[in-house]
Amino acid sequence: METAVISVLESLIKTDGVKGVLIADEHGLCLGALGTANPNCSGIIREIATHAKSLNEDSNSQQLFTIKIEANNS
């Protein structure tokens, strides 16, 4: 599984405009992070994903959610 997670992280980080990628399990445990993504934030990110999913009216739907967080840290 570790190889699969690394492969997905490396693939996503190559996407234009992506600076950080984090994968968390259903409990918020960080499975992997690359770039500017902070592994210590995996629980918070998981909660954001849970709330985003609750906005969907079709609770039986198996949709993939992408969370984009923009920050200007200059």
Protein backbone atom coordinates (compact mmCIF):
# COMPACT_ATOMS: atom_id res chain seq x y z
CA MET A 1 0.00 0.00 0.00
CA GLU A 2 2.82 2.39 0.79
CA THR A 3 4.07 2.22 -2.80
CA ALA A 4 0.56 3.01 -4.10
CA VAL A 5 0.24 6.04 -1.80
CA ILE A 6 3.65 7.36 -2.85
CA SER A 7 2.74 6.85 -6.51
CA VAL A 8 -0.52 8.82 -6.11
CA LEU A 9 1.22 11.61 -4.19
CA GLU A 10 3.95 11.93 -6.82
CA SER A 11 1.39 11.95 -9.62
CA LEU A 12 -0.75 14.65 -7.98
CA ILE A 13 2.17 16.91 -7.02
CA LYS A 14 3.14 17.10 -10.71
CA THR A 15 -0.21 18.72 -11.58
CA ASP A 16 0.16 22.32 -12.70
CA GLY A 17 -0.44 24.71 -9.81
CA VAL A 18 -0.31 22.06 -7.08
CA LYS A 19 2.16 22.89 -4.32
CA GLY A 20 1.15 20.37 -1.68
CA VAL A 21 -0.72 17.07 -1.49
CA LEU A 22 -1.97 15.18 1.55
CA ILE A 23 -3.75 11.82 1.78
CA ALA A 24 -5.60 10.98 5.01
CA ASP A 25 -7.61 7.93 6.02
CA GLU A 26 -11.20 8.00 7.30
CA HIS A 27 -9.97 8.81 10.82
CA GLY A 28 -7.77 11.74 9.76
CA LEU A 29 -4.50 9.83 10.04
CA CYS A 30 -2.01 11.16 7.50
CA LEU A 31 -1.00 8.41 5.07
CA GLY A 32 1.36 10.65 3.15
CA ALA A 33 2.15 14.25 2.27
CA LEU A 34 4.33 16.02 -0.26
CA GLY A 35 5.24 19.63 -0.90
CA THR A 36 3.76 22.35 1.29
CA ALA A 37 1.03 20.12 2.77
CA ASN A 38 1.47 19.86 6.54
CA PRO A 39 0.92 16.28 7.81
CA ASN A 40 -0.13 17.71 11.19
CA CYS A 41 -3.24 19.17 9.51
CA SER A 42 -4.60 15.85 8.25
CA GLY A 43 -7.33 15.67 10.91
CA ILE A 44 -8.58 19.16 10.10
CA ILE A 45 -8.52 18.43 6.39
CA ARG A 46 -10.47 15.21 7.00
CA GLU A 47 -13.15 17.18 8.86
CA ILE A 48 -13.40 19.67 5.98
CA ALA A 49 -13.88 16.73 3.61
CA THR A 50 -16.57 15.24 5.86
CA HIS A 51 -18.48 18.52 5.87
CA ALA A 52 -18.08 18.93 2.10
CA LYS A 53 -19.53 15.46 1.59
CA SER A 54 -22.52 16.32 3.81
CA LEU A 55 -23.43 19.13 1.39
CA ASN A 56 -24.30 16.51 -1.22
CA GLU A 57 -28.04 15.77 -1.24
CA ASP A 58 -27.54 12.20 -2.51
CA SER A 59 -26.10 10.38 0.52
CA ASN A 60 -25.71 7.16 -1.52
CA SER A 61 -23.44 8.86 -4.04
CA GLN A 62 -19.79 7.78 -4.21
CA GLN A 63 -18.31 11.09 -5.32
CA LEU A 64 -14.70 12.16 -5.09
CA PHE A 65 -14.14 15.53 -3.46
CA THR A 66 -11.14 17.72 -4.10
CA ILE A 67 -10.35 20.34 -1.48
CA LYS A 68 -8.39 23.32 -2.70
CA ILE A 69 -6.95 25.65 -0.09
CA GLU A 70 -5.38 28.87 -1.27
CA ALA A 71 -3.01 30.82 0.94
CA ASN A 72 -0.87 33.86 0.40
CA ASN A 73 2.05 33.38 2.76
CA SER A 74 4.32 36.01 1.29
